[in-house]
């Protein structure tokens, strides 16, 4: 009986530690996204928003946090929301980069202010989902708005590609090996 209690206690401690790590990851990602929002839409009394190069540097800082901390998120819907906003921000920056070129191609007619406003609105929804997850204990992925400007570009790095979640059996080594039947 004592051995079972010991293992149950250890399991419970590990579960609590994983939950704490996931909540901390959500808070870190939310802070990074808010810092990115400040760079994209500065307050009127601050310096004006920079060009796409300055915004790319701010997005890289946020992207480093997202890439590292996304693995700790235990909720798949939140991971997908973080992947979506990461890709959306870099798509917006690539549109701005293409517009700065001499031959912008199909992105020349995209309204940058409207595009950044749509991106910021979704970013705020993701931040709210990340911060509300702990208090509500239910994670919901915000609905991705229709953004026709994203279809004007082909997918290119940097991107986070949504992967298939690993099976716990495969991760822990319980899965059958290919040579076994």
Foldseek 3Di string as FASTA:
>chain_A
DVVVVVVVVVVVVVVVVLVVLQLVLLVQLLVLLVQLLCQLCPDPVDDDRDALVSSVVSLVVSVVSLVVSLVSNPDPLLSVLSQVLNQLSVLLSVLRVLCPDPPSPPSVPPDSVVSSVLSSVSSVVSSCQSNCCVVVVDGHHDDRDDDVSSVVDDDDPPHDDDDDDDDPCVVVVNDDDPVDD
